[in-house]
Amino acid sequence: MKKTILTVVAVCLFVATGMNANNSTAVDNTVEVPKISVELNSFCKAIVKGDVETVKKLIELGEDVDKKSLGMAPIHYAARYNRVEIVELLLANGANAKKKCDKGYTAAKYAELSGAMEALQALKAAMKK
């Protein structure tokens, strides 16, 4: 009986002291990182969507047909997404078909990698001229 009472008292003490423990050893190591939003420019977005009319209007308004967005020129996006009409439009407005992206790929290489055979044919025809 004595053993039982001592065991119960000991357990109660451990429980009571555990409930009142002051754990002030926690350190807040969080660092707040600012969010940087990087987006594709509106000209290249229109190309990706295949919006020919918007692309025409932006070119009329003076959009640079060789200006890179996220490391790729508009011709690269048009080739990658098989936008043949836009490829031809960009080339007609002075886009450089041989220009390389930041990864070192040409528009023809993007067309080849993505299986955009029509765009690849348009690019090859333009390079022969």
N, C-alpha and C. Protein backbone atom coordinates (compact mmCIF):
# COMPACT_ATOMS: atom_id res chain seq x y z
N MET A 1 0.82 -1.19 0.00
CA MET A 1 0.00 0.00 0.00
C MET A 1 0.87 1.26 0.00
N LYS A 2 1.95 1.21 0.80
CA LYS A 2 2.84 2.36 0.84
C LYS A 2 3.44 2.63 -0.54
N LYS A 3 3.78 1.53 -1.24
CA LYS A 3 4.37 1.69 -2.55
C LYS A 3 3.38 2.36 -3.51
N THR A 4 2.15 1.99 -3.43
CA THR A 4 1.13 2.55 -4.31
C THR A 4 0.95 4.03 -4.03
N ILE A 5 0.90 4.40 -2.74
CA ILE A 5 0.71 5.81 -2.38
C ILE A 5 1.91 6.63 -2.84
N LEU A 6 3.12 6.11 -2.65
CA LEU A 6 4.31 6.83 -3.06
C LEU A 6 4.36 6.97 -4.59
N THR A 7 3.95 5.94 -5.27
CA THR A 7 3.94 5.98 -6.74
C THR A 7 2.93 7.01 -7.23
N VAL A 8 1.75 7.05 -6.62
CA VAL A 8 0.72 8.02 -7.01
C VAL A 8 1.20 9.43 -6.73
N VAL A 9 1.83 9.65 -5.58
CA VAL A 9 2.32 10.99 -5.23
C VAL A 9 3.42 11.40 -6.22
N ALA A 10 4.32 10.47 -6.54
CA ALA A 10 5.40 10.77 -7.47
C ALA A 10 4.84 11.13 -8.85
N VAL A 11 3.87 10.38 -9.33
CA VAL A 11 3.26 10.66 -10.63
C VAL A 11 2.58 12.01 -10.61
N CYS A 12 1.88 12.31 -9.54
CA CYS A 12 1.20 13.61 -9.42
C CYS A 12 2.19 14.75 -9.44
N LEU A 13 3.33 14.58 -8.78
CA LEU A 13 4.36 15.63 -8.79
C LEU A 13 4.93 15.84 -10.19
N PHE A 14 5.20 14.72 -10.89
CA PHE A 14 5.72 14.84 -12.25
C PHE A 14 4.72 15.52 -13.18
N VAL A 15 3.46 15.16 -13.04
CA VAL A 15 2.43 15.76 -13.87
C VAL A 15 2.28 17.23 -13.55
N ALA A 16 2.27 17.58 -12.28
CA ALA A 16 2.07 18.97 -11.86
C ALA A 16 3.25 19.83 -12.29
N THR A 17 4.45 19.33 -12.14
CA THR A 17 5.60 20.15 -12.53
C THR A 17 5.72 20.23 -14.05
N GLY A 18 5.30 19.20 -14.73
CA GLY A 18 5.33 19.22 -16.20
C GLY A 18 4.34 20.21 -16.77
N MET A 19 3.22 20.39 -16.11
CA MET A 19 2.19 21.32 -16.57
C MET A 19 2.63 22.77 -16.38
N ASN A 20 3.48 23.01 -15.40
CA ASN A 20 3.90 24.38 -15.10
C ASN A 20 5.29 24.69 -15.62
N ALA A 21 5.82 23.83 -16.45
CA ALA A 21 7.17 24.06 -16.96
C ALA A 21 7.20 25.30 -17.83
N ASN A 22 8.27 26.05 -17.69
CA ASN A 22 8.43 27.27 -18.46
C ASN A 22 9.48 26.98 -19.53
N ASN A 23 9.01 26.68 -20.73
CA ASN A 23 9.92 26.36 -21.83
C ASN A 23 10.25 27.64 -22.60
N SER A 24 11.18 28.39 -22.11
CA SER A 24 11.55 29.65 -22.75
C SER A 24 12.78 29.49 -23.63
N THR A 25 13.09 28.27 -24.02
CA THR A 25 14.26 28.04 -24.84
C THR A 25 13.95 28.13 -26.34
N ALA A 26 12.70 28.31 -26.71
CA ALA A 26 12.33 28.40 -28.12
C ALA A 26 12.86 29.70 -28.72
N VAL A 27 13.51 29.59 -29.87
CA VAL A 27 14.06 30.75 -30.56
C VAL A 27 13.33 30.89 -31.89
N ASP A 28 12.92 32.09 -32.18
CA ASP A 28 12.22 32.34 -33.44
C ASP A 28 13.26 32.62 -34.52
N ASN A 29 13.49 31.63 -35.38
CA ASN A 29 14.49 31.76 -36.43
C ASN A 29 13.86 32.05 -37.79
N THR A 30 12.67 32.58 -37.82
CA THR A 30 12.01 32.85 -39.09
C THR A 30 12.57 34.12 -39.71
N VAL A 31 12.70 34.09 -41.01
CA VAL A 31 13.17 35.24 -41.76
C VAL A 31 12.09 35.59 -42.76
N GLU A 32 11.74 36.83 -42.80
CA GLU A 32 10.70 37.27 -43.74
C GLU A 32 11.36 37.56 -45.08
N VAL A 33 10.92 36.85 -46.12
CA VAL A 33 11.47 37.01 -47.45
C VAL A 33 10.45 37.76 -48.30
N PRO A 34 10.89 38.86 -48.91
CA PRO A 34 9.94 39.60 -49.75
C PRO A 34 9.58 38.80 -50.99
N LYS A 35 8.34 38.89 -51.39
CA LYS A 35 7.86 38.17 -52.57
C LYS A 35 8.17 39.00 -53.81
N ILE A 36 8.85 38.38 -54.74
CA ILE A 36 9.18 39.05 -55.99
C ILE A 36 8.35 38.40 -57.09
N SER A 37 7.56 39.20 -57.74
CA SER A 37 6.69 38.67 -58.78
C SER A 37 7.36 38.89 -60.14
N VAL A 38 7.58 37.81 -60.84
CA VAL A 38 8.18 37.87 -62.17
C VAL A 38 7.14 37.34 -63.14
N GLU A 39 6.77 38.18 -64.08
CA GLU A 39 5.72 37.78 -65.01
C GLU A 39 6.16 37.99 -66.45
N LEU A 40 5.54 37.25 -67.30
CA LEU A 40 5.72 37.37 -68.73
C LEU A 40 5.09 38.69 -69.18
N ASN A 41 5.75 39.41 -70.09
CA ASN A 41 5.16 40.69 -70.53
C ASN A 41 3.90 40.44 -71.36
N SER A 42 3.11 41.47 -71.52
CA SER A 42 1.80 41.33 -72.18
C SER A 42 1.92 40.92 -73.64
N PHE A 43 2.97 41.37 -74.31
CA PHE A 43 3.18 41.00 -75.71
C PHE A 43 3.39 39.49 -75.84
N CYS A 44 4.24 38.95 -75.01
CA CYS A 44 4.51 37.50 -75.06
C CYS A 44 3.32 36.68 -74.57
N LYS A 45 2.55 37.24 -73.63
CA LYS A 45 1.33 36.55 -73.18
C LYS A 45 0.35 36.41 -74.34
N ALA A 46 0.21 37.47 -75.12
CA ALA A 46 -0.70 37.43 -76.28
C ALA A 46 -0.21 36.40 -77.29
N ILE A 47 1.09 36.28 -77.44
CA ILE A 47 1.65 35.30 -78.38
C ILE A 47 1.36 33.89 -77.88
N VAL A 48 1.60 33.64 -76.61
CA VAL A 48 1.35 32.31 -76.03
C VAL A 48 -0.12 31.91 -76.19
N LYS A 49 -1.01 32.88 -75.99
CA LYS A 49 -2.45 32.60 -76.12
C LYS A 49 -2.88 32.46 -77.57
N GLY A 50 -2.05 32.93 -78.49
CA GLY A 50 -2.41 32.86 -79.91
C GLY A 50 -3.32 33.98 -80.35
N ASP A 51 -3.31 35.09 -79.63
CA ASP A 51 -4.16 36.24 -79.93
C ASP A 51 -3.50 37.12 -80.99
N VAL A 52 -3.74 36.78 -82.23
CA VAL A 52 -3.10 37.45 -83.36
C VAL A 52 -3.45 38.93 -83.42
N GLU A 53 -4.71 39.26 -83.19
CA GLU A 53 -5.15 40.66 -83.27
C GLU A 53 -4.43 41.54 -82.24
N THR A 54 -4.29 41.04 -81.03
CA THR A 54 -3.58 41.80 -79.99
C THR A 54 -2.11 41.96 -80.36
N VAL A 55 -1.51 40.92 -80.88
CA VAL A 55 -0.11 40.98 -81.30
C VAL A 55 0.05 42.03 -82.39
N LYS A 56 -0.86 42.04 -83.37
CA LYS A 56 -0.80 43.05 -84.45
C LYS A 56 -0.90 44.46 -83.89
N LYS A 57 -1.86 44.65 -82.97
CA LYS A 57 -2.05 45.99 -82.39
C LYS A 57 -0.83 46.45 -81.61
N LEU A 58 -0.25 45.53 -80.84
CA LEU A 58 0.93 45.89 -80.06
C LEU A 58 2.12 46.22 -80.96
N ILE A 59 2.25 45.52 -82.07
CA ILE A 59 3.32 45.84 -83.02
C ILE A 59 3.07 47.21 -83.64
N GLU A 60 1.81 47.50 -83.99
CA GLU A 60 1.45 48.81 -84.54
C GLU A 60 1.75 49.93 -83.55
N LEU A 61 1.60 49.62 -82.25
CA LEU A 61 1.85 50.62 -81.21
C LEU A 61 3.34 50.75 -80.87
N GLY A 62 4.17 49.98 -81.56
CA GLY A 62 5.61 50.13 -81.39
C GLY A 62 6.29 49.10 -80.50
N GLU A 63 5.65 48.01 -80.24
CA GLU A 63 6.27 46.95 -79.41
C GLU A 63 7.52 46.42 -80.11
N ASP A 64 8.59 46.23 -79.35
CA ASP A 64 9.85 45.70 -79.87
C ASP A 64 9.68 44.19 -80.10
N VAL A 65 9.80 43.75 -81.33
CA VAL A 65 9.57 42.34 -81.67
C VAL A 65 10.72 41.43 -81.24
N ASP A 66 11.82 42.00 -80.77
CA ASP A 66 12.95 41.20 -80.31
C ASP A 66 13.23 41.36 -78.81
N LYS A 67 12.37 42.08 -78.10
CA LYS A 67 12.60 42.31 -76.67
C LYS A 67 12.31 41.03 -75.88
N LYS A 68 13.29 40.61 -75.10
CA LYS A 68 13.14 39.38 -74.33
C LYS A 68 12.24 39.58 -73.11
N SER A 69 11.54 38.50 -72.77
CA SER A 69 10.74 38.45 -71.55
C SER A 69 11.02 37.10 -70.92
N LEU A 70 11.48 37.11 -69.69
CA LEU A 70 11.88 35.89 -68.98
C LEU A 70 12.92 35.10 -69.76
N GLY A 71 13.81 35.82 -70.43
CA GLY A 71 14.93 35.19 -71.11
C GLY A 71 14.68 34.73 -72.53
N MET A 72 13.45 34.91 -73.02
CA MET A 72 13.11 34.47 -74.37
C MET A 72 12.51 35.62 -75.17
N ALA A 73 12.84 35.66 -76.46
CA ALA A 73 12.27 36.67 -77.35
C ALA A 73 10.87 36.21 -77.80
N PRO A 74 10.05 37.13 -78.27
CA PRO A 74 8.71 36.75 -78.74
C PRO A 74 8.70 35.64 -79.79
N ILE A 75 9.71 35.63 -80.67
CA ILE A 75 9.77 34.59 -81.70
C ILE A 75 9.93 33.20 -81.08
N HIS A 76 10.62 33.14 -79.94
CA HIS A 76 10.78 31.86 -79.24
C HIS A 76 9.44 31.34 -78.71
N TYR A 77 8.64 32.24 -78.14
CA TYR A 77 7.33 31.83 -77.64
C TYR A 77 6.42 31.39 -78.78
N ALA A 78 6.44 32.13 -79.87
CA ALA A 78 5.60 31.78 -81.02
C ALA A 78 6.00 30.41 -81.57
N ALA A 79 7.29 30.16 -81.65
CA ALA A 79 7.77 28.87 -82.16
C ALA A 79 7.44 27.74 -81.19
N ARG A 80 7.64 27.99 -79.92
CA ARG A 80 7.41 26.95 -78.91
C ARG A 80 5.95 26.51 -78.88
N TYR A 81 5.03 27.46 -79.03
CA TYR A 81 3.60 27.16 -78.96
C TYR A 81 2.95 27.00 -80.34
N ASN A 82 3.78 26.85 -81.37
CA ASN A 82 3.32 26.58 -82.73
C ASN A 82 2.33 27.62 -83.25
N ARG A 83 2.62 28.87 -83.02
CA ARG A 83 1.79 29.98 -83.49
C ARG A 83 2.35 30.47 -84.83
N VAL A 84 2.06 29.72 -85.90
CA VAL A 84 2.66 29.95 -87.21
C VAL A 84 2.34 31.34 -87.74
N GLU A 85 1.10 31.74 -87.64
CA GLU A 85 0.71 33.07 -88.14
C GLU A 85 1.48 34.16 -87.40
N ILE A 86 1.68 33.98 -86.11
CA ILE A 86 2.41 34.97 -85.32
C ILE A 86 3.90 34.92 -85.66
N VAL A 87 4.45 33.73 -85.90
CA VAL A 87 5.85 33.61 -86.33
C VAL A 87 6.05 34.42 -87.60
N GLU A 88 5.17 34.23 -88.57
CA GLU A 88 5.27 34.94 -89.84
C GLU A 88 5.10 36.45 -89.65
N LEU A 89 4.19 36.84 -88.78
CA LEU A 89 3.97 38.25 -88.49
C LEU A 89 5.21 38.88 -87.85
N LEU A 90 5.79 38.19 -86.90
CA LEU A 90 7.00 38.70 -86.24
C LEU A 90 8.15 38.83 -87.24
N LEU A 91 8.33 37.82 -88.07
CA LEU A 91 9.39 37.86 -89.07
C LEU A 91 9.18 38.99 -90.08
N ALA A 92 7.93 39.20 -90.47
CA ALA A 92 7.60 40.28 -91.40
C ALA A 92 7.87 41.65 -90.79
N ASN A 93 7.85 41.72 -89.46
CA ASN A 93 8.09 42.99 -88.78
C ASN A 93 9.50 43.09 -88.22
N GLY A 94 10.41 42.27 -88.74
CA GLY A 94 11.82 42.42 -88.42
C GLY A 94 12.36 41.59 -87.27
N ALA A 95 11.63 40.60 -86.80
CA ALA A 95 12.14 39.74 -85.72
C ALA A 95 13.33 38.93 -86.24
N ASN A 96 14.29 38.73 -85.37
CA ASN A 96 15.50 37.97 -85.71
C ASN A 96 15.26 36.49 -85.44
N ALA A 97 15.16 35.70 -86.50
CA ALA A 97 14.88 34.27 -86.36
C ALA A 97 16.06 33.50 -85.77
N LYS A 98 17.26 34.07 -85.87
CA LYS A 98 18.47 33.40 -85.38
C LYS A 98 18.85 33.81 -83.96
N LYS A 99 18.06 34.71 -83.38
CA LYS A 99 18.36 35.19 -82.03
C LYS A 99 18.25 34.04 -81.02
N LYS A 100 19.17 34.00 -80.07
CA LYS A 100 19.16 32.94 -79.06
C LYS A 100 18.60 33.45 -77.75
N CYS A 101 17.95 32.55 -77.02
CA CYS A 101 17.42 32.89 -75.70
C CYS A 101 18.57 32.81 -74.69
N ASP A 102 18.28 33.09 -73.43
CA ASP A 102 19.30 33.06 -72.38
C ASP A 102 19.87 31.66 -72.17
N LYS A 103 19.14 30.63 -72.59
CA LYS A 103 19.62 29.25 -72.48
C LYS A 103 20.44 28.83 -73.70
N GLY A 104 20.48 29.69 -74.72
CA GLY A 104 21.26 29.40 -75.91
C GLY A 104 20.49 28.73 -77.04
N TYR A 105 19.15 28.69 -76.95
CA TYR A 105 18.34 28.05 -77.98
C TYR A 105 17.80 29.08 -78.96
N THR A 106 17.68 28.67 -80.21
CA THR A 106 17.04 29.51 -81.22
C THR A 106 15.55 29.18 -81.25
N ALA A 107 14.81 29.96 -82.00
CA ALA A 107 13.37 29.70 -82.15
C ALA A 107 13.15 28.35 -82.83
N ALA A 108 14.00 28.03 -83.78
CA ALA A 108 13.88 26.74 -84.48
C ALA A 108 14.09 25.59 -83.51
N LYS A 109 15.01 25.74 -82.59
CA LYS A 109 15.25 24.68 -81.61
C LYS A 109 14.04 24.51 -80.69
N TYR A 110 13.42 25.63 -80.28
CA TYR A 110 12.20 25.53 -79.46
C TYR A 110 11.08 24.84 -80.23
N ALA A 111 10.94 25.17 -81.49
CA ALA A 111 9.90 24.52 -82.31
C ALA A 111 10.17 23.03 -82.41
N GLU A 112 11.42 22.68 -82.61
CA GLU A 112 11.81 21.26 -82.72
C GLU A 112 11.54 20.52 -81.40
N LEU A 113 11.95 21.12 -80.28
CA LEU A 113 11.78 20.48 -78.97
C LEU A 113 10.32 20.29 -78.59
N SER A 114 9.47 21.22 -79.02
CA SER A 114 8.06 21.14 -78.64
C SER A 114 7.20 20.45 -79.70
N GLY A 115 7.80 20.01 -80.78
CA GLY A 115 7.04 19.30 -81.82
C GLY A 115 6.20 20.22 -82.67
N ALA A 116 6.57 21.48 -82.74
CA ALA A 116 5.82 22.47 -83.53
C ALA A 116 6.37 22.50 -84.95
N MET A 117 6.01 21.51 -85.72
CA MET A 117 6.58 21.33 -87.06
C MET A 117 6.20 22.45 -88.03
N GLU A 118 4.97 22.97 -87.93
CA GLU A 118 4.55 24.05 -88.83
C GLU A 118 5.38 25.31 -88.57
N ALA A 119 5.59 25.62 -87.30
CA ALA A 119 6.39 26.78 -86.95
C ALA A 119 7.84 26.58 -87.39
N LEU A 120 8.34 25.37 -87.24
CA LEU A 120 9.71 25.05 -87.66
C LEU A 120 9.86 25.24 -89.16
N GLN A 121 8.87 24.80 -89.94
CA GLN A 121 8.92 24.98 -91.40
C GLN A 121 8.92 26.46 -91.77
N ALA A 122 8.09 27.25 -91.07
CA ALA A 122 8.03 28.69 -91.34
C ALA A 122 9.37 29.36 -91.03
N LEU A 123 9.99 28.94 -89.94
CA LEU A 123 11.28 29.51 -89.56
C LEU A 123 12.37 29.13 -90.56
N LYS A 124 12.38 27.88 -90.98
CA LYS A 124 13.38 27.43 -91.95
C LYS A 124 13.21 28.15 -93.29
N ALA A 125 11.96 28.34 -93.69
CA ALA A 125 11.69 29.06 -94.95
C ALA A 125 12.17 30.51 -94.84
N ALA A 126 11.99 31.11 -93.71
CA ALA A 126 12.42 32.51 -93.52
C ALA A 126 13.94 32.62 -93.50
N MET A 127 14.62 31.61 -92.97
CA MET A 127 16.08 31.66 -92.90
C MET A 127 16.72 31.43 -94.27
N LYS A 128 16.00 30.80 -95.19
CA LYS A 128 16.52 30.57 -96.54
C LYS A 128 16.50 31.83 -97.38
N LYS A 129 15.62 32.76 -97.03
CA LYS A 129 15.46 34.00 -97.82
C LYS A 129 16.64 34.92 -97.64
